Amino acid sequence: MHTIEIVLAMLVAVVASGYLVRILPFSLPLPLVQIGLGAVISGVFNRGHTLDPEMFFLLLLPPLLFLDGWRIPKQGLLRDKTTILELAFGLVLFTVIGAGFMIHWMIPAMPLAVAFALAAIISPTDPVAVGAIAARAPIPKRLMHILEGESLLNDASGLVCFRFAVAAVMTGTFSLASASLTFLWVAFAGLAIGVAVTLGVSAAQRWLWGRFGEEAGAALLVNLLIPFAAYLVAEEFHASGILAAVAAGICMSYVELTGRISGSMRVQRAAVWSTVQFAFNGIMFVLLGEQLPGIVERAIHSMDETGHQSPWWLAVYVVAINLGLVLLRLLWVWLSMRWNLFKARMRGQQRAGTPWRVILATSVAGVRGAITLAGVLTLPLMLPGGEPFPARDLVIFLAAAVILCSLVSASLLLPRLLHGLELPHDEGEAREQDLARKLSSRAALAAVEKARQKMAENQPATTVQLLNDAAARVSQLYQRNLELGDDPDADPEQVRRMQRSYRKLRMAGLTAEREELFRLTRRGSISDELSRRLIRNLDLLESRQRE
């Protein structure tokens, strides 16, 4: 019963955060509001919950990482694969080495292997936190795609480095060859298992649908279970469950392109996943806030280990580590971009330099989140000999403080860094959208005419006329898409203004239709079932107009 109460309390806090972020007179990212609510629940009401890191990993992370992998733009991921891999793997190793030595130099009482463990667990960025910050900062699309791709892939490299650093503390030995081989297995086996699980489940579903028909409820439940299956199978084979969940999501996006599920199921599934994403994201940050009071209290008690009595030294450590992380990231990003420019010139290509504000924004946007918290809480309590794990409470505090500081600094600095930044307009997306609109409209017109001819065969003249009128009405919708923007002399600004006007007028009509349907339902003129069906159609049309 206690567990059920905790889950319900978490969900209530998440709902409250959604309203608080709109009620507050100043702008705050949603994760910070949720962390604050968690801290209030734990510190003021003494209702904190002891976090089980393994349960945290299993229940919350796989579906969120699966969804991020599913929705991330694949063209952007492939186009910037070199930059993403440099950040996801090269930057993690660079951060572990640089930050590890800096932390050990700053806190000599912390063994070097423990300092490397702390540097490793704070090296991965978090896709959930990055997405939350992006909602309030005008991050360019291409930069956002790079940050999302990095945060999806660097979890495995950071966690593997963390596990080897902890193993070095526990055993007193470290083998680079063994670590390298293990990393290759963890990464590639995790990716392969994620892809295999998605393909296997999708093939089984298609076979069942072909034999017994499509069941929407069961199909939605299976879709929700895929990331858990990928994670558990990968962990069973000692591979990366996190990378398996990400790979399963990326593979799912390609399975989706087969178009073998109905449109109504896609609409239902999108609604379910949006709810899961909002709830699980919020629970993660509320749990982080609940851990904070206890983490701070234990860190203050452990100050004797550092040789300093004043708890203000904790603030010094936090500021220094966060500055070090930003500077290391800035140096790596700058070196990476200079290297890419050099390679382009060697190939005879002319490539424009990256504005310094974009480079600085990329450095500040390295936001840490739930993976860092869950990972650091898995630190052992004792060494094999029975001695306490060195500086465990201090390491946990510093990791939690890095999460908070990265969230705060990104939410404050990114909007200012990117405000008014003029970047080259991406004409490719507009061309692709125009091509897709025209070609799909032409295909639809051809299909409408073919269907009209087939339906009109051997029919009386009155029926043929009705079919012609119906086909003309349908064709008008698609003909507009073909005519829009075809005039080469048309002013692009006037075309955009006409599109905006059309959307506003269409939205006004849809709103009036919906209000009238509600009025008819309240009067009992139409049934509830019919009303829900018609209103759902209007909602889908409205969502299309808002795209």
Protein backbone atom coordinates (compact mmCIF):
# COMPACT_ATOMS: atom_id res chain seq x y z
CA MET A 1 0.00 0.00 0.00
CA HIS A 2 2.89 2.34 0.79
CA THR A 3 4.30 1.90 -2.74
CA ILE A 4 0.94 2.77 -4.33
CA GLU A 5 0.74 5.93 -2.21
CA ILE A 6 4.24 6.93 -3.32
CA VAL A 7 3.39 6.46 -7.00
CA LEU A 8 0.19 8.48 -6.65
CA ALA A 9 2.03 11.23 -4.79
CA MET A 10 4.63 11.37 -7.56
CA LEU A 11 1.93 11.72 -10.21
CA VAL A 12 0.15 14.46 -8.24
CA ALA A 13 3.45 16.35 -7.96
CA VAL A 14 4.00 16.02 -11.71
CA VAL A 15 0.50 17.36 -12.44
CA ALA A 16 1.03 20.24 -10.01
CA SER A 17 4.35 21.13 -11.68
CA GLY A 18 2.61 21.42 -15.04
CA TYR A 19 0.33 24.12 -13.65
CA LEU A 20 2.94 25.81 -11.43
CA VAL A 21 5.27 26.46 -14.36
CA ARG A 22 2.45 28.53 -15.91
CA ILE A 23 1.30 30.22 -12.70
CA LEU A 24 4.72 31.43 -11.52
CA PRO A 25 5.36 35.09 -12.41
CA PHE A 26 8.89 34.26 -13.66
CA SER A 27 9.95 31.75 -16.27
CA LEU A 28 11.45 28.47 -15.03
CA PRO A 29 12.12 25.22 -16.88
CA LEU A 30 9.71 22.47 -15.92
CA PRO A 31 12.47 20.15 -14.53
CA LEU A 32 13.57 22.79 -12.00
CA VAL A 33 9.98 23.22 -10.79
CA GLN A 34 9.66 19.45 -10.41
CA ILE A 35 12.97 19.21 -8.52
CA GLY A 36 11.77 21.99 -6.20
CA LEU A 37 8.50 20.16 -5.55
CA GLY A 38 10.41 16.99 -4.73
CA ALA A 39 12.65 18.85 -2.30
CA VAL A 40 9.61 20.42 -0.60
CA ILE A 41 7.93 17.01 -0.27
CA SER A 42 11.05 15.49 1.29
CA GLY A 43 12.33 18.41 3.37
CA VAL A 44 9.16 20.10 4.59
CA PHE A 45 6.64 17.27 4.73
CA ASN A 46 9.19 14.55 5.49
CA ARG A 47 7.68 12.31 2.81
CA GLY A 48 10.83 11.38 0.94
CA HIS A 49 11.29 8.03 -0.74
CA THR A 50 14.48 6.00 -0.71
CA LEU A 51 15.45 5.52 -4.33
CA ASP A 52 16.35 2.06 -5.61
CA PRO A 53 18.71 2.84 -8.52
CA GLU A 54 18.21 -0.52 -10.26
CA MET A 55 14.42 -0.11 -10.13
CA PHE A 56 14.83 3.48 -11.31
CA PHE A 57 16.86 2.36 -14.32
CA LEU A 58 14.41 -0.40 -15.23
CA LEU A 59 11.06 1.38 -14.84
CA LEU A 60 11.72 4.92 -16.03
CA LEU A 61 14.68 5.10 -18.40
CA PRO A 62 13.96 2.43 -21.07
CA PRO A 63 10.62 3.87 -22.30
CA LEU A 64 11.96 7.43 -22.36
CA LEU A 65 15.13 6.50 -24.23
CA PHE A 66 13.10 4.32 -26.59
CA LEU A 67 10.80 7.24 -27.37
CA ASP A 68 13.73 9.62 -27.89
CA GLY A 69 15.33 7.16 -30.30
CA TRP A 70 12.00 6.71 -32.08
CA ARG A 71 11.34 10.42 -32.57
CA ILE A 72 14.84 11.76 -33.24
CA PRO A 73 15.20 12.93 -36.88
CA LYS A 74 17.19 10.18 -38.61
CA GLN A 75 18.45 12.37 -41.46
CA GLY A 76 20.01 14.77 -38.95
CA LEU A 77 21.50 11.85 -37.02
CA LEU A 78 23.15 10.43 -40.15
CA ARG A 79 24.17 13.80 -41.56
CA ASP A 80 26.03 14.82 -38.38
CA LYS A 81 27.14 11.32 -37.35
CA THR A 82 30.82 12.30 -37.15
CA THR A 83 30.16 15.22 -34.81
CA ILE A 84 27.75 13.17 -32.69
CA LEU A 85 30.20 10.28 -32.30
CA GLU A 86 33.00 12.69 -31.40
CA LEU A 87 30.83 14.14 -28.63
CA ALA A 88 29.31 10.85 -27.49
CA PHE A 89 32.57 8.92 -27.16
CA GLY A 90 35.59 11.21 -27.57
CA LEU A 91 34.26 13.95 -25.30
CA VAL A 92 33.31 11.44 -22.61
CA LEU A 93 36.85 10.03 -22.44
CA PHE A 94 38.31 13.56 -22.56
CA THR A 95 36.03 14.60 -19.70
CA VAL A 96 36.80 11.52 -17.59
CA ILE A 97 40.54 12.13 -17.84
CA GLY A 98 40.51 15.92 -17.52
CA ALA A 99 37.83 16.25 -14.83
CA GLY A 100 39.14 13.20 -12.96
CA PHE A 101 42.61 14.66 -12.48
CA MET A 102 41.14 18.08 -11.65
CA ILE A 103 38.84 16.65 -8.95
CA HIS A 104 41.66 14.61 -7.41
CA TRP A 105 43.92 17.69 -7.40
CA MET A 106 41.19 19.80 -5.80
CA ILE A 107 40.17 17.14 -3.24
CA PRO A 108 43.34 15.09 -2.48
CA ALA A 109 41.46 13.00 0.08
CA MET A 110 39.39 11.55 -2.77
CA PRO A 111 41.34 8.67 -4.38
CA LEU A 112 42.13 9.07 -8.06
CA ALA A 113 39.96 6.09 -9.06
CA VAL A 114 37.01 7.59 -7.14
CA ALA A 115 37.61 10.95 -8.86
CA PHE A 116 37.55 9.16 -12.22
CA ALA A 117 34.28 7.47 -11.21
CA LEU A 118 32.73 10.86 -10.40
CA ALA A 119 34.02 12.36 -13.66
CA ALA A 120 32.63 9.40 -15.61
CA ILE A 121 29.13 9.58 -14.17
CA ILE A 122 28.84 13.35 -14.74
CA SER A 123 30.14 13.11 -18.32
CA PRO A 124 26.91 11.89 -20.06
CA THR A 125 24.33 14.49 -20.97
CA ASP A 126 20.68 13.65 -20.52
CA PRO A 127 18.18 13.66 -23.43
CA VAL A 128 15.24 14.39 -21.12
CA ALA A 129 16.95 17.41 -19.57
CA VAL A 130 18.20 18.64 -22.95
CA GLY A 131 14.67 18.43 -24.36
CA ALA A 132 13.23 20.29 -21.38
CA ILE A 133 15.70 23.14 -21.79
CA ALA A 134 15.13 23.26 -25.55
CA ALA A 135 11.44 23.91 -24.96
CA ARG A 136 12.34 27.35 -23.55
CA ALA A 137 15.45 28.22 -25.55
CA PRO A 138 15.58 29.05 -29.29
CA ILE A 139 18.07 26.29 -30.10
CA PRO A 140 18.69 25.92 -33.87
CA LYS A 141 17.29 22.67 -35.25
CA ARG A 142 20.60 21.25 -36.41
CA LEU A 143 22.29 21.98 -33.08
CA MET A 144 19.35 20.39 -31.28
CA HIS A 145 19.65 17.25 -33.40
CA ILE A 146 23.36 17.01 -32.51
CA LEU A 147 22.66 17.45 -28.79
CA GLU A 148 19.90 14.83 -28.88
CA GLY A 149 22.07 12.35 -30.75
CA GLU A 150 24.97 12.91 -28.36
CA SER A 151 22.81 12.45 -25.27
CA LEU A 152 21.33 9.22 -26.64
CA LEU A 153 24.72 7.61 -27.29
CA ASN A 154 27.02 8.94 -24.56
CA ASP A 155 25.18 7.16 -21.74
CA ALA A 156 26.85 3.85 -22.60
CA SER A 157 30.37 5.29 -22.77
CA GLY A 158 29.93 7.23 -19.52
CA LEU A 159 28.42 4.30 -17.62
CA VAL A 160 31.07 1.88 -18.85
CA CYS A 161 33.84 4.25 -17.71
CA PHE A 162 32.03 4.63 -14.39
CA ARG A 163 31.80 0.87 -13.85
CA PHE A 164 35.48 0.35 -14.61
CA ALA A 165 36.49 3.17 -12.28
CA VAL A 166 34.38 1.65 -9.48
CA ALA A 167 35.88 -1.78 -10.21
CA ALA A 168 39.36 -0.23 -9.91
CA VAL A 169 38.42 1.17 -6.48
CA MET A 170 37.06 -2.20 -5.35
CA THR A 171 39.93 -4.36 -6.65
CA GLY A 172 42.81 -1.92 -6.82
CA THR A 173 43.61 -2.98 -10.43
CA PHE A 174 42.70 -1.77 -13.91
CA SER A 175 43.26 -3.36 -17.33
CA LEU A 176 42.96 -1.12 -20.38
CA ALA A 177 42.75 -4.09 -22.75
CA SER A 178 39.97 -5.73 -20.75
CA ALA A 179 38.12 -2.42 -20.46
CA SER A 180 38.31 -1.80 -24.22
CA LEU A 181 37.00 -5.26 -25.11
CA THR A 182 34.21 -4.99 -22.57
CA PHE A 183 33.22 -1.59 -23.91
CA LEU A 184 33.00 -2.92 -27.47
CA TRP A 185 30.80 -5.80 -26.34
CA VAL A 186 28.58 -3.59 -24.17
CA ALA A 187 28.03 -1.09 -26.99
CA PHE A 188 27.67 -3.27 -30.08
CA ALA A 189 25.80 -6.10 -28.36
CA GLY A 190 23.39 -3.59 -26.83
CA LEU A 191 22.70 -2.00 -30.22
CA ALA A 192 22.23 -5.38 -31.91
CA ILE A 193 19.88 -6.68 -29.20
CA GLY A 194 17.72 -3.55 -29.37
CA VAL A 195 17.32 -3.89 -33.13
CA ALA A 196 16.65 -7.65 -32.90
CA VAL A 197 13.95 -7.23 -30.25
CA THR A 198 12.08 -4.58 -32.24
CA LEU A 199 12.27 -6.53 -35.50
CA GLY A 200 11.24 -9.78 -33.80
CA VAL A 201 8.27 -8.28 -31.97
CA SER A 202 7.12 -6.38 -35.08
CA ALA A 203 7.29 -9.52 -37.22
CA ALA A 204 5.32 -11.51 -34.62
CA GLN A 205 2.68 -8.77 -34.45
CA ARG A 206 2.26 -8.69 -38.23
CA TRP A 207 1.82 -12.46 -38.30
CA LEU A 208 -0.81 -12.31 -35.54
CA TRP A 209 -2.66 -9.47 -37.28
CA GLY A 210 -2.66 -11.40 -40.54
CA ARG A 211 -4.08 -14.52 -38.90
CA PHE A 212 -6.44 -13.13 -36.25
CA GLY A 213 -6.96 -9.43 -37.01
CA GLU A 214 -5.68 -6.24 -35.41
CA GLU A 215 -6.41 -5.63 -31.72
CA ALA A 216 -5.62 -2.01 -30.84
CA GLY A 217 -5.36 -2.42 -27.07
CA ALA A 218 -3.01 -5.39 -27.25
CA ALA A 219 -0.91 -3.70 -29.94
CA LEU A 220 -0.49 -0.58 -27.80
CA LEU A 221 0.52 -2.65 -24.78
CA VAL A 222 3.09 -4.60 -26.81
CA ASN A 223 4.50 -1.32 -28.10
CA LEU A 224 4.93 -0.08 -24.53
CA LEU A 225 6.68 -3.30 -23.51
CA ILE A 226 9.28 -3.32 -26.30
CA PRO A 227 11.79 -0.99 -24.53
CA PHE A 228 11.59 -3.04 -21.32
CA ALA A 229 12.17 -6.25 -23.27
CA ALA A 230 15.18 -4.78 -25.09
CA TYR A 231 16.65 -3.45 -21.83
CA LEU A 232 16.21 -6.71 -19.89
CA VAL A 233 17.54 -8.95 -22.66
CA ALA A 234 20.62 -6.74 -23.08
CA GLU A 235 21.31 -6.70 -19.35
CA GLU A 236 20.95 -10.49 -19.27
CA PHE A 237 23.78 -10.71 -21.80
CA HIS A 238 25.85 -8.10 -19.86
CA ALA A 239 25.39 -5.54 -22.64
CA SER A 240 24.14 -1.96 -22.40
CA GLY A 241 20.42 -1.96 -21.68
CA ILE A 242 20.36 1.79 -22.27
CA LEU A 243 21.81 1.50 -25.78
CA ALA A 244 19.46 -1.43 -26.45
CA ALA A 245 16.44 0.76 -25.61
CA VAL A 246 17.75 3.57 -27.83
CA ALA A 247 18.45 1.18 -30.71
CA ALA A 248 14.99 -0.36 -30.32
CA GLY A 249 13.44 3.10 -30.67
CA ILE A 250 15.51 4.01 -33.73
CA CYS A 251 14.62 0.69 -35.34
CA MET A 252 10.95 1.26 -34.49
CA SER A 253 10.98 4.46 -36.54
CA TYR A 254 12.04 2.45 -39.60
CA VAL A 255 9.44 -0.24 -38.90
CA GLU A 256 6.88 2.58 -38.80
CA LEU A 257 7.76 3.53 -42.38
CA THR A 258 6.26 0.27 -43.65
CA GLY A 259 2.82 1.81 -43.00
CA ARG A 260 1.32 -1.49 -41.89
CA ILE A 261 -0.74 -0.13 -38.99
CA SER A 262 -3.96 1.86 -39.20
CA GLY A 263 -4.10 5.62 -38.82
CA SER A 264 -6.43 5.37 -35.82
CA MET A 265 -3.91 3.19 -34.00
CA ARG A 266 -1.14 5.70 -34.72
CA VAL A 267 -3.28 8.46 -33.21
CA GLN A 268 -4.01 6.38 -30.09
CA ARG A 269 -0.38 5.36 -29.72
CA ALA A 270 0.87 8.94 -30.01
CA ALA A 271 -1.51 10.02 -27.24
CA VAL A 272 -0.45 7.16 -24.96
CA TRP A 273 3.26 7.80 -25.49
CA SER A 274 2.86 11.55 -24.88
CA THR A 275 1.22 10.79 -21.55
CA VAL A 276 3.95 8.30 -20.61
CA GLN A 277 6.65 10.78 -21.56
CA PHE A 278 5.18 13.62 -19.50
CA ALA A 279 4.56 11.42 -16.45
CA PHE A 280 7.90 9.58 -16.44
CA ASN A 281 9.94 12.72 -17.14
CA GLY A 282 8.26 14.46 -14.24
CA ILE A 283 8.66 11.52 -11.85
CA MET A 284 12.40 11.41 -12.52
CA PHE A 285 12.95 15.04 -11.58
CA VAL A 286 10.58 14.89 -8.60
CA LEU A 287 12.57 11.90 -7.31
CA LEU A 288 15.79 13.86 -7.77
CA GLY A 289 14.35 16.67 -5.67
CA GLU A 290 13.30 14.21 -2.97
CA GLN A 291 16.85 12.88 -2.72
CA LEU A 292 18.42 16.33 -2.36
CA PRO A 293 17.87 17.08 1.37
CA GLY A 294 19.35 13.74 2.43
CA ILE A 295 22.22 14.04 -0.04
CA VAL A 296 23.15 17.51 1.23
CA GLU A 297 22.94 16.44 4.87
CA ARG A 298 25.20 13.43 4.35
CA ALA A 299 27.68 15.50 2.31
CA ILE A 300 28.01 18.06 5.13
CA HIS A 301 28.72 15.27 7.61
CA SER A 302 31.43 13.89 5.32
CA MET A 303 33.37 17.16 5.12
CA ASP A 304 35.92 15.85 7.61
CA GLU A 305 37.25 13.55 4.87
CA THR A 306 38.31 16.52 2.74
CA GLY A 307 40.28 18.28 5.48
CA HIS A 308 37.91 21.28 5.52
CA GLN A 309 35.38 21.92 8.27
CA SER A 310 33.30 24.65 6.64
CA PRO A 311 30.40 23.37 4.49
CA TRP A 312 30.97 26.37 2.19
CA TRP A 313 33.79 24.37 0.64
CA LEU A 314 31.07 22.22 -0.91
CA ALA A 315 29.94 25.26 -2.91
CA VAL A 316 33.53 25.88 -4.01
CA TYR A 317 33.84 22.29 -5.23
CA VAL A 318 30.52 22.50 -7.11
CA VAL A 319 31.38 25.77 -8.87
CA ALA A 320 34.87 24.57 -9.79
CA ILE A 321 33.65 21.23 -11.18
CA ASN A 322 30.89 22.85 -13.24
CA LEU A 323 33.27 25.43 -14.67
CA GLY A 324 35.74 22.68 -15.44
CA LEU A 325 33.08 20.66 -17.28
CA VAL A 326 32.02 23.66 -19.38
CA LEU A 327 35.64 24.56 -20.24
CA LEU A 328 36.52 20.96 -21.15
CA ARG A 329 33.42 20.75 -23.34
CA LEU A 330 34.18 24.14 -24.91
CA LEU A 331 37.76 23.10 -25.70
CA TRP A 332 36.64 19.79 -27.21
CA VAL A 333 33.90 21.39 -29.32
CA TRP A 334 36.28 24.06 -30.61
CA LEU A 335 39.00 21.52 -31.44
CA SER A 336 36.45 19.23 -33.11
CA MET A 337 35.10 22.01 -35.32
CA ARG A 338 38.60 23.20 -36.25
CA TRP A 339 39.53 19.63 -37.17
CA ASN A 340 36.42 19.22 -39.33
CA LEU A 341 37.17 22.51 -41.11
CA PHE A 342 40.74 21.36 -41.72
CA LYS A 343 39.54 18.06 -43.21
CA ALA A 344 37.07 19.91 -45.43
CA ARG A 345 39.83 22.18 -46.76
CA MET A 346 42.07 19.17 -47.41
CA ARG A 347 39.27 17.77 -49.59
CA GLY A 348 39.01 21.09 -51.44
CA GLN A 349 35.68 22.02 -49.87
CA GLN A 350 34.81 25.51 -48.70
CA ARG A 351 32.89 25.49 -45.43
CA ALA A 352 31.80 28.53 -43.43
CA GLY A 353 33.04 28.81 -39.86
CA THR A 354 30.70 28.28 -36.92
CA PRO A 355 29.67 31.43 -34.99
CA TRP A 356 31.33 31.61 -31.58
CA ARG A 357 27.93 31.93 -29.88
CA VAL A 358 26.90 28.55 -31.29
CA ILE A 359 30.14 26.99 -30.00
CA LEU A 360 29.56 28.50 -26.55
CA ALA A 361 25.91 27.42 -26.58
CA THR A 362 26.95 23.85 -27.43
CA SER A 363 29.22 23.90 -24.38
CA VAL A 364 26.58 25.30 -22.02
CA ALA A 365 23.92 22.91 -23.36
CA GLY A 366 25.65 19.86 -21.83
CA VAL A 367 22.84 19.31 -19.34
CA ARG A 368 23.08 16.40 -16.90
CA GLY A 369 20.06 14.57 -15.56
CA ALA A 370 18.50 11.37 -14.30
CA ILE A 371 21.12 8.96 -15.65
CA THR A 372 23.83 10.70 -13.65
CA LEU A 373 21.75 10.51 -10.46
CA ALA A 374 20.73 6.88 -10.89
CA GLY A 375 24.26 5.85 -11.80
CA VAL A 376 26.00 7.53 -8.88
CA LEU A 377 23.54 6.04 -6.39
CA THR A 378 24.73 2.57 -7.40
CA LEU A 379 28.08 3.19 -5.67
CA PRO A 380 28.82 0.36 -3.20
CA LEU A 381 28.56 1.10 0.49
CA MET A 382 31.60 -0.97 1.44
CA LEU A 383 34.90 -2.13 -0.04
CA PRO A 384 35.63 -5.88 -0.14
CA GLY A 385 37.64 -5.55 3.07
CA GLY A 386 34.72 -4.04 4.97
CA GLU A 387 35.94 -0.41 4.89
CA PRO A 388 33.46 2.29 3.80
CA PHE A 389 33.61 3.28 0.13
CA PRO A 390 35.89 6.37 0.00
CA ALA A 391 34.03 9.73 -0.10
CA ARG A 392 30.80 8.07 -1.23
CA ASP A 393 28.45 10.71 0.20
CA LEU A 394 30.58 13.53 -1.20
CA VAL A 395 30.61 11.96 -4.66
CA ILE A 396 26.81 11.61 -4.63
CA PHE A 397 26.38 15.23 -3.52
CA LEU A 398 28.74 16.58 -6.19
CA ALA A 399 26.97 14.59 -8.92
CA ALA A 400 23.54 15.87 -7.80
CA ALA A 401 24.88 19.43 -7.63
CA VAL A 402 26.25 19.17 -11.18
CA ILE A 403 22.76 18.17 -12.38
CA LEU A 404 21.20 21.21 -10.73
CA CYS A 405 23.86 23.67 -11.84
CA SER A 406 23.81 22.46 -15.44
CA LEU A 407 20.03 22.83 -15.55
CA VAL A 408 20.11 26.32 -14.04
CA SER A 409 23.02 27.58 -16.13
CA ALA A 410 21.56 26.23 -19.38
CA SER A 411 18.11 27.69 -18.68
CA LEU A 412 19.62 31.11 -17.88
CA LEU A 413 22.42 31.35 -20.45
CA LEU A 414 21.10 29.59 -23.56
CA PRO A 415 18.25 32.05 -24.31
CA ARG A 416 20.70 34.95 -23.96
CA LEU A 417 23.41 33.33 -26.06
CA LEU A 418 21.05 32.44 -28.89
CA HIS A 419 18.79 35.50 -28.80
CA GLY A 420 18.82 37.31 -32.13
CA LEU A 421 21.35 34.90 -33.63
CA GLU A 422 21.05 34.97 -37.42
CA LEU A 423 21.74 31.56 -38.91
CA PRO A 424 21.54 30.59 -42.59
CA HIS A 425 17.97 29.65 -43.46
CA ASP A 426 17.57 25.97 -44.22
CA GLU A 427 15.88 25.91 -47.64
CA GLY A 428 16.09 22.11 -47.79
CA GLU A 429 13.25 21.56 -45.34
CA ALA A 430 10.95 23.96 -47.23
CA ARG A 431 11.75 22.24 -50.53
CA GLU A 432 11.11 18.80 -49.03
CA GLN A 433 7.80 19.95 -47.56
CA ASP A 434 6.69 21.45 -50.89
CA LEU A 435 7.73 18.29 -52.79
CA ALA A 436 5.91 16.02 -50.34
CA ARG A 437 2.76 18.16 -50.49
CA LYS A 438 2.62 18.21 -54.28
CA LEU A 439 3.51 14.59 -54.96
CA SER A 440 1.17 13.25 -52.28
CA SER A 441 -1.65 15.46 -53.63
CA ARG A 442 -1.06 14.19 -57.16
CA ALA A 443 -1.12 10.61 -55.95
CA ALA A 444 -4.34 11.32 -54.05
CA LEU A 445 -5.99 12.92 -57.10
CA ALA A 446 -5.06 9.91 -59.23
CA ALA A 447 -6.42 7.53 -56.59
CA VAL A 448 -9.67 9.51 -56.29
CA GLU A 449 -10.20 9.41 -60.07
CA LYS A 450 -9.41 5.69 -60.22
CA ALA A 451 -11.82 4.96 -57.37
CA ARG A 452 -14.53 7.13 -59.01
CA GLN A 453 -14.25 5.25 -62.28
CA LYS A 454 -14.41 1.89 -60.55
CA MET A 455 -17.45 2.89 -58.46
CA ALA A 456 -19.23 4.34 -61.51
CA GLU A 457 -19.07 1.12 -63.53
CA ASN A 458 -22.54 -0.20 -64.46
CA GLN A 459 -24.27 2.47 -62.37
CA PRO A 460 -27.28 4.59 -63.41
CA ALA A 461 -26.77 8.19 -64.50
CA THR A 462 -28.02 9.64 -61.20
CA THR A 463 -25.52 7.61 -59.21
CA VAL A 464 -22.70 8.54 -61.59
CA GLN A 465 -23.52 12.23 -61.13
CA LEU A 466 -23.44 11.85 -57.35
CA LEU A 467 -20.06 10.14 -57.59
CA ASN A 468 -18.77 12.93 -59.85
CA ASP A 469 -19.91 15.60 -57.38
CA ALA A 470 -18.33 13.75 -54.45
CA ALA A 471 -15.06 13.26 -56.34
CA ALA A 472 -14.99 16.95 -57.28
CA ARG A 473 -15.35 17.97 -53.65
CA VAL A 474 -12.55 15.68 -52.56
CA SER A 475 -10.33 16.74 -55.45
CA GLN A 476 -10.68 20.42 -54.53
CA LEU A 477 -8.86 19.80 -51.28
CA TYR A 478 -5.85 18.32 -53.07
CA GLN A 479 -5.97 20.71 -56.03
CA ARG A 480 -5.36 23.60 -53.66
CA ASN A 481 -2.09 21.99 -52.54
CA LEU A 482 -0.93 21.75 -56.14
CA GLU A 483 -1.84 25.34 -57.03
CA LEU A 484 -0.36 26.89 -53.87
CA GLY A 485 3.05 28.35 -54.59
CA ASP A 486 3.18 27.25 -58.26
CA ASP A 487 3.39 30.82 -59.54
CA PRO A 488 7.13 31.64 -59.85
CA ASP A 489 6.34 35.36 -59.69
CA ALA A 490 4.41 35.07 -56.45
CA ASP A 491 5.84 36.95 -53.48
CA PRO A 492 6.93 34.35 -50.86
CA GLU A 493 5.83 36.68 -48.07
CA GLN A 494 2.34 36.98 -49.58
CA VAL A 495 2.13 33.20 -49.92
CA ARG A 496 3.03 32.80 -46.24
CA ARG A 497 0.49 35.45 -45.24
CA MET A 498 -2.19 33.68 -47.27
CA GLN A 499 -1.32 30.37 -45.58
CA ARG A 500 -1.54 31.99 -42.14
CA SER A 501 -4.88 33.57 -43.02
CA TYR A 502 -6.19 30.25 -44.31
CA ARG A 503 -5.19 28.51 -41.08
CA LYS A 504 -6.83 31.17 -38.92
CA LEU A 505 -10.07 31.01 -40.89
CA ARG A 506 -10.00 27.20 -40.90
CA MET A 507 -9.41 27.18 -37.12
CA ALA A 508 -12.32 29.58 -36.60
CA GLY A 509 -14.58 27.27 -38.59
CA LEU A 510 -13.41 24.16 -36.71
CA THR A 511 -13.95 25.89 -33.35
CA ALA A 512 -17.48 26.90 -34.33
CA GLU A 513 -18.25 23.35 -35.53
CA ARG A 514 -17.05 21.88 -32.26
CA GLU A 515 -19.00 24.32 -30.11
CA GLU A 516 -22.18 23.60 -32.08
CA LEU A 517 -21.67 19.84 -31.64
CA PHE A 518 -21.25 20.32 -27.89
CA ARG A 519 -24.45 22.42 -27.84
CA LEU A 520 -26.39 19.76 -29.76
CA THR A 521 -25.13 17.07 -27.39
CA ARG A 522 -26.12 19.06 -24.31
CA ARG A 523 -29.64 19.48 -25.77
CA GLY A 524 -29.86 15.77 -26.52
CA SER A 525 -30.24 16.37 -30.27
CA ILE A 526 -27.39 13.97 -31.06
CA SER A 527 -26.02 10.99 -29.14
CA ASP A 528 -22.87 11.05 -27.05
CA GLU A 529 -21.29 8.39 -29.27
CA LEU A 530 -21.86 10.38 -32.45
CA SER A 531 -20.68 13.57 -30.75
CA ARG A 532 -17.40 11.97 -29.62
CA ARG A 533 -16.73 10.60 -33.10
CA LEU A 534 -17.39 13.90 -34.86
CA ILE A 535 -15.44 15.94 -32.32
CA ARG A 536 -12.50 13.57 -32.61
CA ASN A 537 -12.44 14.17 -36.36
CA LEU A 538 -12.44 17.92 -35.77
CA ASP A 539 -9.62 17.57 -33.22
CA LEU A 540 -7.51 15.68 -35.76
CA LEU A 541 -8.16 18.35 -38.38
CA GLU A 542 -7.24 21.07 -35.89
CA SER A 543 -3.98 19.33 -34.96
CA ARG A 544 -3.15 19.14 -38.66
CA GLN A 545 -3.74 22.86 -39.07
CA ARG A 546 -1.42 23.61 -36.14
CA GLU A 547 1.52 21.68 -37.66
